[in-house]
């Protein structure tokens, strides 16, 4: 598979970086092609300018590269921290600029005077690994787990990704070294389960 791996954490050497590195290594070990992007390291501009609204807009080289890769990807892995129960702004802007209408999704008449989304991506497996300081059970009980809704229903659902998985690692602020090692093993296990070893062509 071709897999896009998107990391959105501002601090080099963060635990998010460790999660992304484990995911990248597990994918590569299993024979998959990994397109890895650290959005902060690339200084990806999250602001969607008016010039990019047209479907035939000429995109800046970095945005065009991301769009090409997403269009060819069969897997998508996203790693980010939880900021105010949403992804970081740089990742929201990445979705604004890269998951473009006519490329990642379309709208078509629903037969009742409205419109319904049609996903266009080839991605078969979408994964999100996020960190947080609010325990998962509190996020669900108090807020309804906004990140789950955002990724599973809003983003992956709109783009037509049939299989989605999200794992929340929290609370990071009080986690031990052993807990973090266990979370890294969880990422590796999830990759191994949902991205089988790529078969080698017969000789």
Protein backbone atom coordinates (compact mmCIF):
# COMPACT_ATOMS: atom_id res chain seq x y z
CA UNK A 1 0.00 0.00 0.00
CA UNK A 2 0.88 3.65 -0.40
CA UNK A 3 0.32 5.22 3.02
CA UNK A 4 0.28 8.92 3.88
CA UNK A 5 1.52 9.54 7.43
CA UNK A 6 0.78 13.02 8.77
CA UNK A 7 2.30 14.31 12.02
CA UNK A 8 1.14 17.54 13.67
CA UNK A 9 3.10 18.38 16.80
CA UNK A 10 5.21 21.52 17.21
CA UNK A 11 7.99 20.12 19.39
CA UNK A 12 10.69 17.94 17.89
CA UNK A 13 11.28 14.84 20.00
CA UNK A 14 7.76 14.83 21.43
CA UNK A 15 5.89 11.65 22.26
CA UNK A 16 3.80 12.32 19.15
CA UNK A 17 7.01 12.09 17.15
CA UNK A 18 7.74 8.75 18.79
CA UNK A 19 4.26 7.49 17.89
CA UNK A 20 4.74 8.58 14.26
CA UNK A 21 8.18 6.99 14.06
CA UNK A 22 6.85 3.65 15.33
CA UNK A 23 4.00 3.79 12.82
CA UNK A 24 6.39 4.65 9.96
CA UNK A 25 8.79 1.85 10.88
CA UNK A 26 6.00 -0.72 11.24
CA UNK A 27 4.57 0.23 7.84
CA UNK A 28 7.94 0.16 6.10
CA UNK A 29 8.84 -3.17 7.70
CA UNK A 30 5.67 -4.66 6.28
CA UNK A 31 6.57 -3.51 2.78
CA UNK A 32 4.38 -0.44 2.45
CA UNK A 33 5.43 2.83 0.83
CA UNK A 34 5.27 5.60 3.46
CA UNK A 35 4.84 9.27 2.58
CA UNK A 36 5.73 10.89 5.89
CA UNK A 37 5.10 14.57 6.54
CA UNK A 38 5.88 16.48 9.74
CA UNK A 39 3.69 19.52 9.14
CA UNK A 40 5.52 21.80 11.57
CA UNK A 41 8.95 20.80 10.27
CA UNK A 42 7.73 21.52 6.73
CA UNK A 43 6.25 24.84 7.91
CA UNK A 44 3.00 23.91 6.22
CA UNK A 45 0.83 27.02 5.92
CA UNK A 46 -2.66 26.15 7.22
CA UNK A 47 -4.35 29.26 5.81
CA UNK A 48 -6.61 28.52 2.83
CA UNK A 49 -6.36 31.48 0.43
CA UNK A 50 -9.18 32.55 -1.87
CA UNK A 51 -7.04 31.63 -4.89
CA UNK A 52 -7.27 27.94 -3.96
CA UNK A 53 -11.06 27.77 -3.74
CA UNK A 54 -11.53 27.03 -7.45
CA UNK A 55 -11.41 23.31 -8.25
CA UNK A 56 -8.89 23.92 -11.04
CA UNK A 57 -6.70 26.21 -8.93
CA UNK A 58 -2.94 26.00 -9.38
CA UNK A 59 -1.68 24.89 -5.98
CA UNK A 60 1.65 25.77 -4.35
CA UNK A 61 4.17 22.93 -4.78
CA UNK A 62 3.95 21.58 -1.21
CA UNK A 63 0.15 21.60 -1.16
CA UNK A 64 0.07 20.00 -4.61
CA UNK A 65 2.44 17.26 -3.41
CA UNK A 66 0.22 16.48 -0.41
CA UNK A 67 -2.86 16.42 -2.65
CA UNK A 68 -1.21 14.06 -5.16
CA UNK A 69 -0.13 11.71 -2.42
CA UNK A 70 -3.55 11.66 -0.74
CA UNK A 71 -5.12 10.98 -4.11
CA UNK A 72 -2.86 7.94 -4.61
CA UNK A 73 -2.85 6.71 -1.00
CA UNK A 74 -4.56 3.52 0.09
CA UNK A 75 -3.88 4.18 3.76
CA UNK A 76 -3.85 7.32 5.92
CA UNK A 77 -2.33 7.61 9.40
CA UNK A 78 -2.60 10.86 11.38
CA UNK A 79 -0.78 11.62 14.64
CA UNK A 80 -1.58 14.70 16.74
CA UNK A 81 -2.22 16.06 20.23
CA UNK A 82 -5.68 17.06 21.44
CA UNK A 83 -5.95 20.87 21.49
CA UNK A 84 -9.27 22.07 22.97
CA UNK A 85 -10.94 18.81 21.86
CA UNK A 86 -9.87 19.37 18.26
CA UNK A 87 -6.77 18.81 16.12
CA UNK A 88 -4.08 21.53 16.06
CA UNK A 89 -4.79 24.43 13.72
CA UNK A 90 -2.02 23.36 11.34
CA UNK A 91 -3.76 20.00 10.85
CA UNK A 92 -7.18 21.58 10.38
CA UNK A 93 -5.65 23.84 7.75
CA UNK A 94 -3.98 20.84 6.11
CA UNK A 95 -7.42 19.27 5.70
CA UNK A 96 -8.83 22.55 4.35
CA UNK A 97 -6.15 22.82 1.67
CA UNK A 98 -5.40 19.17 0.82
CA UNK A 99 -8.74 17.33 1.12
CA UNK A 100 -10.19 19.32 -1.74
CA UNK A 101 -13.68 19.12 -3.24
CA UNK A 102 -13.57 17.29 -6.53
CA UNK A 103 -10.46 15.48 -5.33
CA UNK A 104 -11.25 14.00 -1.90
CA UNK A 105 -15.04 14.30 -2.03
CA UNK A 106 -17.94 15.66 -4.06
CA UNK A 107 -21.54 16.56 -3.44
CA UNK A 108 -24.33 15.19 -5.62
CA UNK A 109 -28.12 15.68 -5.61
CA UNK A 110 -29.85 13.49 -3.07
CA UNK A 111 -33.14 13.36 -5.00
CA UNK A 112 -34.95 15.41 -2.38
CA UNK A 113 -33.76 18.87 -3.29
CA UNK A 114 -30.61 18.61 -1.20
CA UNK A 115 -27.10 17.24 -1.60
CA UNK A 116 -25.18 14.28 -0.24
CA UNK A 117 -21.43 13.78 0.00
CA UNK A 118 -19.60 11.22 -2.10
CA UNK A 119 -16.13 10.19 -0.99
CA UNK A 120 -13.47 10.06 -3.70
CA UNK A 121 -10.35 8.88 -1.89
CA UNK A 122 -8.85 5.44 -2.54
CA UNK A 123 -7.90 5.16 1.14
CA UNK A 124 -9.16 1.89 2.60
CA UNK A 125 -7.82 2.31 6.14
CA UNK A 126 -7.73 5.57 8.09
CA UNK A 127 -6.05 5.71 11.51
CA UNK A 128 -5.67 8.48 14.05
CA UNK A 129 -3.36 8.30 17.05
CA UNK A 130 -3.83 11.25 19.37
CA UNK A 131 -2.48 12.24 22.76
CA UNK A 132 -4.35 14.15 25.46
CA UNK A 133 -4.29 15.03 29.13
CA UNK A 134 -8.00 14.43 29.70
CA UNK A 135 -8.72 10.74 30.35
CA UNK A 136 -10.74 9.14 27.55
CA UNK A 137 -13.71 8.28 29.78
CA UNK A 138 -14.01 11.93 30.86
CA UNK A 139 -13.75 13.14 27.27
CA UNK A 140 -16.61 10.84 26.35
CA UNK A 141 -18.78 11.54 29.39
CA UNK A 142 -18.40 15.31 29.50
CA UNK A 143 -17.93 16.23 25.84
CA UNK A 144 -19.12 13.28 23.73
CA UNK A 145 -15.63 12.64 22.33
CA UNK A 146 -15.43 15.46 19.73
CA UNK A 147 -12.27 14.05 18.10
CA UNK A 148 -14.02 10.76 17.36
CA UNK A 149 -16.85 12.63 15.65
CA UNK A 150 -14.42 14.89 13.81
CA UNK A 151 -12.30 12.14 12.30
CA UNK A 152 -14.69 9.21 11.88
CA UNK A 153 -17.77 11.09 10.72
CA UNK A 154 -16.71 14.50 9.46
CA UNK A 155 -13.35 13.91 7.74
CA UNK A 156 -12.95 10.20 6.99
CA UNK A 157 -16.69 9.74 6.52
CA UNK A 158 -16.97 12.61 4.05
CA UNK A 159 -13.99 11.34 2.05
CA UNK A 160 -15.38 7.79 1.86
CA UNK A 161 -12.80 5.96 3.98
CA UNK A 162 -14.54 2.67 4.87
CA UNK A 163 -12.40 1.48 7.81
CA UNK A 164 -11.38 3.93 10.51
CA UNK A 165 -9.61 3.50 13.83
CA UNK A 166 -8.71 6.09 16.45
CA UNK A 167 -6.70 5.54 19.61
CA UNK A 168 -6.38 8.17 22.33
CA UNK A 169 -3.35 7.95 24.60
CA UNK A 170 -4.05 9.82 27.84
CA UNK A 171 -3.33 11.31 30.24
CA UNK A 172 0.16 11.95 28.90
CA UNK A 173 1.06 14.49 31.58
CA UNK A 174 1.04 11.85 34.34
CA UNK A 175 2.13 8.86 32.25
CA UNK A 176 5.15 6.78 33.18
CA UNK A 177 7.92 5.62 30.88
CA UNK A 178 6.47 2.11 30.99
CA UNK A 179 3.01 3.41 30.07
CA UNK A 180 4.45 5.23 27.07
CA UNK A 181 6.31 2.13 25.97
CA UNK A 182 3.02 0.22 26.16
CA UNK A 183 1.31 2.88 24.03
CA UNK A 184 4.05 2.59 21.42
CA UNK A 185 3.49 -1.15 21.35
CA UNK A 186 -0.23 -0.47 20.85
CA UNK A 187 0.56 1.62 17.77
CA UNK A 188 2.76 -1.09 16.33
CA UNK A 189 0.07 -3.72 16.98
CA UNK A 190 -2.61 -1.59 15.33
CA UNK A 191 -0.46 -1.07 12.23
CA UNK A 192 0.34 -4.77 12.04
CA UNK A 193 -3.34 -5.68 12.35
CA UNK A 194 -4.77 -3.25 9.81
CA UNK A 195 -1.89 -3.01 7.32
CA UNK A 196 -0.96 -6.62 6.49
CA UNK A 197 2.46 -7.41 5.11
CA UNK A 198 2.63 -6.46 1.48
CA UNK A 199 2.89 -9.56 -0.70
CA UNK A 200 6.00 -9.83 -2.82
CA UNK A 201 5.62 -10.35 -6.58
CA UNK A 202 6.38 -13.87 -7.74
CA UNK A 203 9.62 -14.43 -9.64
